[in-house]
């Protein structure tokens, strides 16, 4: 027999619960709830059990909806709803963004160097590294492999961020149908300077595309296995060959930081290897479902501690509410003064707020798990549609397929017969069917 406190402790939706019950029933294992009376040996009892499961699903969906509505309301009021604030800002005691002058000074410097003095993103990154300016990841305490150094990507993201002109978009990267909320925040750079910067960025992009002698299929996807930086396209004017080169090797890093020891990779070879692997990936989608199931099972296993913590928080909230009720009762009986009660109630309210904040964060992570479940359900259909395009794909279509399927490509160095050779590891968004590591000269 499997004994649970409530049905919602066993499964998070009705379909999942019924699948679990069916498997247990086929194995001759009975199911009992400590707080919900039902007898699965009779048709009426099974119907009652299904009703309890449906009620549990409704309660969970209602909690998630209320949490989402609460965050939406806070966002519309201009409050920061969680996570690390943008570089240049901090969250004040009332939950609103305010300017962090130390970081904002760096943001203004970046805009000035790029727009007014005409410096490129790589020279700006080198300059900030030479001055030993902490990166946004360091400033916010985020553990990222490239957190110690500025790079062109970080500079570009700052230059394109509308937050610095006073407009922050909540759910900007959201792929659901939920409303995108635009809120005003304190400005770090003037709108006039921000617009000039965008015009210059567009101009530089057009000129770079016009002058490019080759389109690079894997731009922005290749990471160095030695230093973690990005590989960029690099042509050889004399021999007419094209390569991908680590930015840690191509740009000056100063005496305190030696250049990366990564070797260049022939563009034609690595692109052919990756594209052939992508075609194999697309034409054999059957394994994807199994891979997704395994990955989803891992996500569910990781979610179990979240569910346990949510249950503990719910118990703590009940205890705090009971504590508040006892204090109020003591005041009514005249056993404690109103001043004493006020101090106790304020402390309890602060603790309740902290518990609710943590609970909302945990529920948000559960919503992300639900999003992954939906993505897993549609993955096979998407890959079957891509099969029709893969054999007749032009460069644009190839690029779209690579961006959609490949999460990243890592280039390491291996020794073979006394020579340094690159080893390519392709990491797919949906997991890998087998080892995708290959070597190329």
Protein backbone atom coordinates (compact mmCIF):
# COMPACT_ATOMS: atom_id res chain seq x y z
CA UNK A 1 0.00 0.00 0.00
CA UNK A 2 1.07 3.56 -0.76
CA UNK A 3 -0.02 6.01 1.94
CA UNK A 4 -0.08 9.78 1.25
CA UNK A 5 -1.16 12.72 3.38
CA UNK A 6 -3.21 14.20 0.54
CA UNK A 7 -3.59 13.40 -3.14
CA UNK A 8 -1.88 16.64 -4.15
CA UNK A 9 1.28 15.37 -2.38
CA UNK A 10 1.45 12.50 -4.89
CA UNK A 11 0.84 14.33 -8.17
CA UNK A 12 0.42 17.89 -9.43
CA UNK A 13 -2.33 17.31 -12.00
CA UNK A 14 -5.21 14.89 -12.54
CA UNK A 15 -3.72 13.09 -15.57
CA UNK A 16 -0.44 12.42 -13.76
CA UNK A 17 -2.28 11.14 -10.70
CA UNK A 18 -4.47 8.76 -12.72
CA UNK A 19 -1.43 7.39 -14.56
CA UNK A 20 0.32 6.73 -11.25
CA UNK A 21 -2.77 5.11 -9.79
CA UNK A 22 -3.20 2.89 -12.87
CA UNK A 23 0.40 1.65 -12.61
CA UNK A 24 0.03 0.96 -8.90
CA UNK A 25 -3.27 -0.84 -9.46
CA UNK A 26 -1.76 -3.12 -12.12
CA UNK A 27 0.99 -4.05 -9.66
CA UNK A 28 -1.57 -4.90 -6.97
CA UNK A 29 -0.64 -1.90 -4.84
CA UNK A 30 -3.46 -0.04 -3.09
CA UNK A 31 -3.55 3.71 -2.54
CA UNK A 32 -4.79 5.45 0.62
CA UNK A 33 -4.99 9.09 1.71
CA UNK A 34 -4.70 10.09 5.38
CA UNK A 35 -7.10 13.05 5.00
CA UNK A 36 -9.41 12.12 2.09
CA UNK A 37 -11.76 9.14 2.48
CA UNK A 38 -12.20 6.99 -0.62
CA UNK A 39 -12.28 3.26 -1.37
CA UNK A 40 -10.68 2.31 -4.69
CA UNK A 41 -12.22 -1.16 -4.61
CA UNK A 42 -15.63 0.20 -5.69
CA UNK A 43 -16.67 2.27 -8.76
CA UNK A 44 -18.07 4.99 -6.47
CA UNK A 45 -14.80 5.11 -4.54
CA UNK A 46 -12.76 5.47 -7.73
CA UNK A 47 -15.04 8.31 -8.85
CA UNK A 48 -14.56 10.03 -5.47
CA UNK A 49 -10.80 9.63 -5.78
CA UNK A 50 -10.87 11.25 -9.24
CA UNK A 51 -12.89 14.16 -7.84
CA UNK A 52 -10.29 14.72 -5.10
CA UNK A 53 -7.52 14.70 -7.73
CA UNK A 54 -9.42 17.25 -9.85
CA UNK A 55 -9.95 19.50 -6.81
CA UNK A 56 -6.24 19.32 -6.00
CA UNK A 57 -5.40 20.37 -9.57
CA UNK A 58 -7.86 23.27 -9.36
CA UNK A 59 -6.32 24.46 -6.08
CA UNK A 60 -2.81 24.36 -7.50
CA UNK A 61 -3.81 26.20 -10.69
CA UNK A 62 -5.61 28.82 -8.61
CA UNK A 63 -2.50 29.40 -6.46
CA UNK A 64 -0.31 29.76 -9.54
CA UNK A 65 -2.78 32.16 -11.14
CA UNK A 66 -2.96 34.30 -8.00
CA UNK A 67 0.84 34.36 -7.77
CA UNK A 68 1.10 35.44 -11.39
CA UNK A 69 -1.56 38.12 -10.95
CA UNK A 70 0.21 39.39 -7.85
CA UNK A 71 3.50 39.72 -9.73
CA UNK A 72 1.70 41.45 -12.61
CA UNK A 73 0.13 43.93 -10.20
CA UNK A 74 3.49 44.65 -8.59
CA UNK A 75 5.12 45.08 -12.03
CA UNK A 76 2.42 47.52 -13.19
CA UNK A 77 3.05 49.54 -10.03
CA UNK A 78 6.70 49.76 -11.03
CA UNK A 79 8.08 47.29 -8.49
CA UNK A 80 10.88 44.83 -9.20
CA UNK A 81 9.41 41.31 -9.08
CA UNK A 82 12.49 39.21 -8.41
CA UNK A 83 15.86 38.18 -9.74
CA UNK A 84 19.01 40.23 -10.13
CA UNK A 85 18.32 43.86 -11.12
CA UNK A 86 19.97 45.23 -14.29
CA UNK A 87 23.56 46.39 -14.00
CA UNK A 88 23.55 49.98 -12.78
CA UNK A 89 20.54 49.51 -10.50
CA UNK A 90 19.67 48.14 -7.08
CA UNK A 91 16.36 47.37 -5.37
CA UNK A 92 15.42 49.67 -2.48
CA UNK A 93 13.55 48.70 0.68
CA UNK A 94 10.17 49.40 -0.96
CA UNK A 95 10.86 47.07 -3.89
CA UNK A 96 11.56 49.70 -6.56
CA UNK A 97 14.65 50.06 -8.75
CA UNK A 98 16.99 52.89 -7.89
CA UNK A 99 20.32 53.87 -9.41
CA UNK A 100 23.53 52.33 -8.10
CA UNK A 101 25.85 55.26 -8.79
CA UNK A 102 29.05 53.20 -8.78
CA UNK A 103 27.72 50.88 -11.50
CA UNK A 104 25.83 53.65 -13.32
CA UNK A 105 29.11 55.52 -13.75
CA UNK A 106 30.46 52.56 -15.76
CA UNK A 107 27.27 52.40 -17.86
CA UNK A 108 27.60 56.10 -18.75
CA UNK A 109 31.28 55.57 -19.57
CA UNK A 110 30.43 52.73 -21.97
CA UNK A 111 27.85 54.85 -23.82
CA UNK A 112 30.28 57.78 -23.99
CA UNK A 113 33.19 55.70 -25.30
CA UNK A 114 31.07 54.03 -27.98
CA UNK A 115 28.89 56.92 -29.18
CA UNK A 116 30.95 60.02 -28.47
CA UNK A 117 34.53 58.77 -28.83
CA UNK A 118 33.82 56.08 -31.43
CA UNK A 119 35.47 53.12 -29.66
CA UNK A 120 34.40 49.60 -30.67
CA UNK A 121 32.94 47.04 -28.27
CA UNK A 122 36.15 44.97 -28.06
CA UNK A 123 38.42 47.97 -27.29
CA UNK A 124 35.90 49.12 -24.65
CA UNK A 125 35.95 45.64 -23.06
CA UNK A 126 39.77 45.62 -23.11
CA UNK A 127 39.87 49.07 -21.51
CA UNK A 128 37.50 48.07 -18.69
CA UNK A 129 39.49 44.88 -18.10
CA UNK A 130 42.73 46.89 -17.96
CA UNK A 131 41.14 49.15 -15.32
CA UNK A 132 40.00 45.99 -13.45
CA UNK A 133 36.38 47.15 -13.42
CA UNK A 134 34.12 44.38 -12.01
CA UNK A 135 31.78 42.89 -14.61
CA UNK A 136 27.98 42.87 -14.14
CA UNK A 137 28.19 39.21 -13.08
CA UNK A 138 30.79 40.02 -10.43
CA UNK A 139 28.91 43.10 -9.24
CA UNK A 140 25.69 41.08 -8.82
CA UNK A 141 27.43 38.05 -7.30
CA UNK A 142 26.47 35.72 -10.18
CA UNK A 143 28.61 32.60 -10.69
CA UNK A 144 29.30 32.50 -14.45
CA UNK A 145 32.37 31.04 -16.17
CA UNK A 146 33.11 34.34 -17.97
CA UNK A 147 32.19 36.52 -15.00
CA UNK A 148 35.72 37.76 -14.44
CA UNK A 149 36.21 39.64 -17.73
CA UNK A 150 34.36 42.08 -19.90
CA UNK A 151 33.75 41.07 -23.52
CA UNK A 152 32.09 42.51 -26.62
CA UNK A 153 28.84 40.68 -25.91
CA UNK A 154 28.44 42.29 -22.48
CA UNK A 155 29.14 45.73 -23.93
CA UNK A 156 26.57 45.21 -26.72
CA UNK A 157 23.87 44.09 -24.29
CA UNK A 158 24.36 47.23 -22.20
CA UNK A 159 24.26 49.48 -25.27
CA UNK A 160 20.99 47.88 -26.45
CA UNK A 161 19.22 47.84 -23.07
CA UNK A 162 16.21 50.20 -23.00
CA UNK A 163 16.29 50.19 -19.18
CA UNK A 164 19.07 52.78 -19.19
CA UNK A 165 16.85 55.35 -20.91
CA UNK A 166 14.14 54.76 -18.30
CA UNK A 167 12.00 51.99 -19.84
CA UNK A 168 12.08 48.44 -18.51
CA UNK A 169 10.07 45.67 -20.19
CA UNK A 170 8.75 42.95 -17.90
CA UNK A 171 8.46 39.60 -19.75
CA UNK A 172 10.50 40.94 -22.67
CA UNK A 173 11.85 37.45 -23.42
CA UNK A 174 8.63 35.68 -22.46
CA UNK A 175 7.41 33.16 -25.07
CA UNK A 176 3.97 32.69 -23.51
CA UNK A 177 0.89 34.72 -24.38
CA UNK A 178 1.04 36.69 -21.13
CA UNK A 179 1.02 40.45 -21.41
CA UNK A 180 4.33 42.29 -21.68
CA UNK A 181 4.42 45.07 -19.07
CA UNK A 182 6.39 48.28 -19.66
CA UNK A 183 7.34 50.26 -16.57
CA UNK A 184 9.30 53.44 -16.01
CA UNK A 185 12.54 53.35 -14.02
CA UNK A 186 15.16 56.02 -13.18
CA UNK A 187 17.25 56.97 -16.23
CA UNK A 188 21.00 56.48 -16.34
CA UNK A 189 21.59 57.93 -19.83
CA UNK A 190 19.48 60.49 -21.69
CA UNK A 191 17.04 59.32 -24.33
CA UNK A 192 18.87 61.47 -26.89
CA UNK A 193 22.20 59.67 -26.20
CA UNK A 194 20.49 56.28 -26.20
CA UNK A 195 18.88 56.99 -29.61
CA UNK A 196 22.21 58.17 -31.03
CA UNK A 197 23.77 54.93 -29.80
CA UNK A 198 21.10 52.80 -31.50
CA UNK A 199 21.59 54.65 -34.79
CA UNK A 200 25.34 54.09 -34.57
CA UNK A 201 24.87 50.40 -33.74
CA UNK A 202 22.63 49.95 -36.80
CA UNK A 203 25.10 51.80 -39.02
CA UNK A 204 28.04 49.71 -37.79
CA UNK A 205 26.06 46.50 -38.26
CA UNK A 206 25.19 47.39 -41.87
CA UNK A 207 28.78 48.32 -42.65
CA UNK A 208 30.07 45.11 -41.08
CA UNK A 209 27.62 43.01 -43.10
CA UNK A 210 28.47 44.89 -46.31
CA UNK A 211 32.20 44.41 -45.84
CA UNK A 212 31.97 40.77 -44.78
CA UNK A 213 33.48 38.40 -47.34
CA UNK A 214 31.67 35.41 -45.90
CA UNK A 215 28.60 34.47 -43.86
CA UNK A 216 29.46 32.45 -40.76
CA UNK A 217 26.92 29.73 -40.04
CA UNK A 218 27.96 29.24 -36.39
CA UNK A 219 28.44 32.84 -35.29
CA UNK A 220 27.79 33.36 -31.59
CA UNK A 221 27.46 29.62 -30.84
CA UNK A 222 31.07 28.45 -30.46
CA UNK A 223 32.62 28.63 -26.99
CA UNK A 224 36.24 28.11 -26.07
CA UNK A 225 36.87 25.11 -23.84
CA UNK A 226 39.94 26.81 -22.37
CA UNK A 227 38.73 30.28 -21.39
CA UNK A 228 34.96 30.19 -21.97
CA UNK A 229 34.94 33.10 -24.44
CA UNK A 230 33.19 33.16 -27.82
CA UNK A 231 34.77 32.21 -31.15
CA UNK A 232 34.27 34.76 -33.95
CA UNK A 233 34.70 34.59 -37.72
CA UNK A 234 38.12 35.60 -39.04
CA UNK A 235 39.25 35.66 -42.69
CA UNK A 236 42.76 35.27 -44.10
CA UNK A 237 43.33 37.88 -46.81
CA UNK A 238 46.40 36.21 -48.34
CA UNK A 239 45.19 32.62 -48.69
CA UNK A 240 41.46 33.30 -48.90
CA UNK A 241 40.75 30.93 -46.01
CA UNK A 242 38.23 31.55 -43.28
CA UNK A 243 38.46 30.56 -39.63
CA UNK A 244 36.79 30.79 -36.27
CA UNK A 245 39.09 32.30 -33.65
CA UNK A 246 38.72 32.68 -29.87
CA UNK A 247 38.29 36.34 -28.86
CA UNK A 248 40.69 35.67 -25.99
CA UNK A 249 43.35 34.99 -28.60
CA UNK A 250 42.61 37.71 -31.12
CA UNK A 251 42.32 40.75 -28.83
CA UNK A 252 44.94 42.26 -26.56
CA UNK A 253 44.58 41.17 -22.94
CA UNK A 254 47.54 42.89 -21.30
CA UNK A 255 50.48 41.59 -19.31
CA UNK A 256 48.37 40.52 -16.34
CA UNK A 257 46.27 38.22 -18.50
CA UNK A 258 48.02 36.18 -21.22
CA UNK A 259 46.26 35.37 -24.46
CA UNK A 260 44.16 32.24 -24.64
CA UNK A 261 46.01 29.21 -26.03
CA UNK A 262 43.12 28.08 -28.23
CA UNK A 263 43.93 27.34 -31.87
CA UNK A 264 41.95 28.61 -34.86
CA UNK A 265 39.45 26.28 -36.55
CA UNK A 266 38.82 26.14 -40.30
CA UNK A 267 35.32 27.52 -40.87
CA UNK A 268 34.43 25.10 -43.70
CA UNK A 269 35.39 22.05 -41.67
CA UNK A 270 33.60 22.88 -38.43
CA UNK A 271 30.50 24.09 -40.28
CA UNK A 272 30.36 20.88 -42.31
CA UNK A 273 30.74 18.76 -39.16
CA UNK A 274 28.02 20.65 -37.30
CA UNK A 275 25.60 20.78 -40.25
CA UNK A 276 25.93 17.05 -40.95
CA UNK A 277 25.27 16.35 -37.28
CA UNK A 278 22.24 18.68 -37.32
CA UNK A 279 20.85 16.80 -40.34
CA UNK A 280 21.36 13.49 -38.54
CA UNK A 281 19.65 14.99 -35.50
CA UNK A 282 16.63 16.15 -37.54
CA UNK A 283 16.25 12.96 -39.60
CA UNK A 284 16.25 10.70 -36.55
CA UNK A 285 13.83 12.38 -34.14
CA UNK A 286 12.57 9.19 -32.50
CA UNK A 287 15.19 9.22 -29.76
CA UNK A 288 14.33 12.82 -28.88
CA UNK A 289 11.14 11.81 -27.09
CA UNK A 290 13.03 9.33 -24.89
CA UNK A 291 15.76 11.88 -24.20
CA UNK A 292 13.16 14.47 -23.26
CA UNK A 293 11.41 12.00 -20.97
CA UNK A 294 14.68 11.34 -19.16
CA UNK A 295 15.43 15.03 -18.91
CA UNK A 296 11.88 15.72 -17.71
CA UNK A 297 12.21 12.99 -15.08
CA UNK A 298 15.35 14.71 -13.83
CA UNK A 299 13.46 18.01 -13.69
CA UNK A 300 10.68 16.34 -11.71
CA UNK A 301 13.20 14.82 -9.28
CA UNK A 302 14.69 18.29 -8.78
CA UNK A 303 11.19 19.66 -8.21
CA UNK A 304 10.43 17.32 -5.33
CA UNK A 305 12.57 19.25 -2.82
CA UNK A 306 10.72 22.37 -3.98
CA UNK A 307 7.39 20.76 -3.21
CA UNK A 308 8.62 19.71 0.22
CA UNK A 309 9.85 23.24 0.94
CA UNK A 310 6.52 24.71 -0.23
CA UNK A 311 4.70 22.35 2.13
CA UNK A 312 6.99 23.43 4.99
CA UNK A 313 6.38 27.10 4.17
CA UNK A 314 2.62 26.51 4.15
CA UNK A 315 2.87 24.94 7.61
CA UNK A 316 4.98 27.86 8.81
CA UNK A 317 2.43 30.34 7.43
CA UNK A 318 -0.39 28.55 9.25
CA UNK A 319 1.67 28.65 12.46
CA UNK A 320 2.33 32.39 12.02
CA UNK A 321 -1.36 33.09 11.47
CA UNK A 322 -2.16 31.14 14.62
CA UNK A 323 0.51 33.13 16.46
CA UNK A 324 -1.10 36.40 15.31
CA UNK A 325 -4.51 35.17 16.45
CA UNK A 326 -3.10 34.30 19.91
CA UNK A 327 -1.58 37.78 20.28
CA UNK A 328 -4.86 39.45 19.31
CA UNK A 329 -6.72 37.22 21.78
CA UNK A 330 -4.31 38.21 24.57
CA UNK A 331 -4.99 41.90 23.83
CA UNK A 332 -8.73 41.31 23.97
CA UNK A 333 -8.34 39.62 27.35
CA UNK A 334 -6.19 42.50 28.59
CA UNK A 335 -3.21 40.25 29.33
CA UNK A 336 -0.79 42.33 27.22
CA UNK A 337 -0.79 45.98 26.15
CA UNK A 338 -1.49 47.21 22.64
CA UNK A 339 2.11 48.44 22.37
CA UNK A 340 3.45 44.97 23.17
CA UNK A 341 1.01 43.43 20.73
CA UNK A 342 2.00 45.87 17.99
CA UNK A 343 5.67 44.84 18.23
CA UNK A 344 4.73 41.15 18.10
CA UNK A 345 2.36 41.64 15.16
CA UNK A 346 4.90 43.69 13.19
CA UNK A 347 7.53 40.99 13.65
CA UNK A 348 5.05 38.30 12.60
CA UNK A 349 4.01 40.33 9.52
CA UNK A 350 7.64 40.68 8.48
CA UNK A 351 8.20 36.93 8.82
CA UNK A 352 4.98 36.17 6.90
CA UNK A 353 6.11 38.48 4.09
CA UNK A 354 9.48 36.70 3.90
CA UNK A 355 7.77 33.30 3.78
CA UNK A 356 5.35 34.44 1.05
CA UNK A 357 8.24 35.88 -1.01
CA UNK A 358 10.10 32.58 -0.86
CA UNK A 359 6.91 30.68 -1.68
CA UNK A 360 6.30 32.83 -4.78
CA UNK A 361 9.86 32.16 -5.93
CA UNK A 362 9.37 28.41 -5.57
CA UNK A 363 6.03 28.52 -7.41
CA UNK A 364 7.72 30.45 -10.23
CA UNK A 365 10.24 27.64 -10.60
CA UNK A 366 7.38 25.15 -10.78
CA UNK A 367 5.85 27.22 -13.57
CA UNK A 368 9.14 26.92 -15.46
CA UNK A 369 8.91 23.15 -15.10
CA UNK A 370 5.40 23.22 -16.58
CA UNK A 371 6.76 25.27 -19.49
CA UNK A 372 9.42 22.63 -20.13
CA UNK A 373 6.72 19.91 -20.10
CA UNK A 374 4.84 21.76 -22.84
CA UNK A 375 8.04 22.16 -24.83
CA UNK A 376 8.77 18.44 -24.53
CA UNK A 377 5.28 17.55 -25.75
CA UNK A 378 5.69 19.52 -28.99
CA UNK A 379 9.35 18.72 -29.71
CA UNK A 380 8.71 15.66 -31.86
CA UNK A 381 6.15 17.42 -34.06
CA UNK A 382 8.57 20.31 -34.60
CA UNK A 383 11.42 18.00 -35.62
CA UNK A 384 9.19 16.08 -38.05
CA UNK A 385 8.31 19.36 -39.77
CA UNK A 386 12.00 20.27 -40.04
CA UNK A 387 12.77 17.04 -41.91
CA UNK A 388 11.18 18.50 -45.04
CA UNK A 389 13.54 21.51 -45.04
CA UNK A 390 16.88 20.01 -44.14
CA UNK A 391 17.91 18.61 -47.56
CA UNK A 392 17.09 21.77 -49.55
CA UNK A 393 18.11 24.35 -46.98
CA UNK A 394 19.74 27.61 -48.08
CA UNK A 395 22.05 29.53 -45.73
CA UNK A 396 19.20 31.38 -44.03
CA UNK A 397 17.29 28.16 -43.34
CA UNK A 398 20.44 26.41 -42.15
CA UNK A 399 21.12 29.24 -39.76
CA UNK A 400 17.55 29.10 -38.42
CA UNK A 401 17.80 25.34 -37.88
CA UNK A 402 21.17 25.61 -36.16
CA UNK A 403 19.93 28.41 -33.88
CA UNK A 404 16.77 26.45 -33.02
CA UNK A 405 18.49 23.15 -32.24
CA UNK A 406 22.06 23.86 -31.10
CA UNK A 407 22.51 25.29 -27.63
CA UNK A 408 26.30 25.71 -27.94
CA UNK A 409 29.44 24.26 -29.52
CA UNK A 410 32.54 23.79 -27.38
CA UNK A 411 36.04 23.65 -28.88
CA UNK A 412 38.75 21.94 -26.82
CA UNK A 413 42.33 21.00 -27.73
CA UNK A 414 43.59 17.40 -27.94
CA UNK A 415 47.09 16.09 -28.65
CA UNK A 416 47.35 13.62 -31.53
CA UNK A 417 50.72 12.48 -32.95
CA UNK A 418 52.39 15.50 -31.42
CA UNK A 419 49.94 17.94 -33.01
CA UNK A 420 47.31 20.15 -31.41
CA UNK A 421 43.88 19.42 -32.87
CA UNK A 422 40.48 20.92 -32.04
CA UNK A 423 37.85 18.63 -30.57
CA UNK A 424 34.28 19.77 -31.25
CA UNK A 425 31.44 19.04 -28.85
CA UNK A 426 27.90 19.89 -30.01
CA UNK A 427 25.35 20.46 -27.25
CA UNK A 428 21.73 20.36 -28.42
CA UNK A 429 18.81 22.12 -26.78
CA UNK A 430 16.93 18.81 -26.43
CA UNK A 431 19.90 16.73 -25.27
CA UNK A 432 22.25 14.56 -27.35
CA UNK A 433 21.44 11.15 -28.91
CA UNK A 434 25.02 10.00 -28.42
CA UNK A 435 28.50 11.47 -28.28
CA UNK A 436 28.75 14.34 -30.75
CA UNK A 437 32.44 14.96 -30.17
CA UNK A 438 34.54 15.00 -33.32
CA UNK A 439 38.05 16.08 -34.23
CA UNK A 440 39.05 18.13 -37.22
CA UNK A 441 42.37 19.33 -38.55
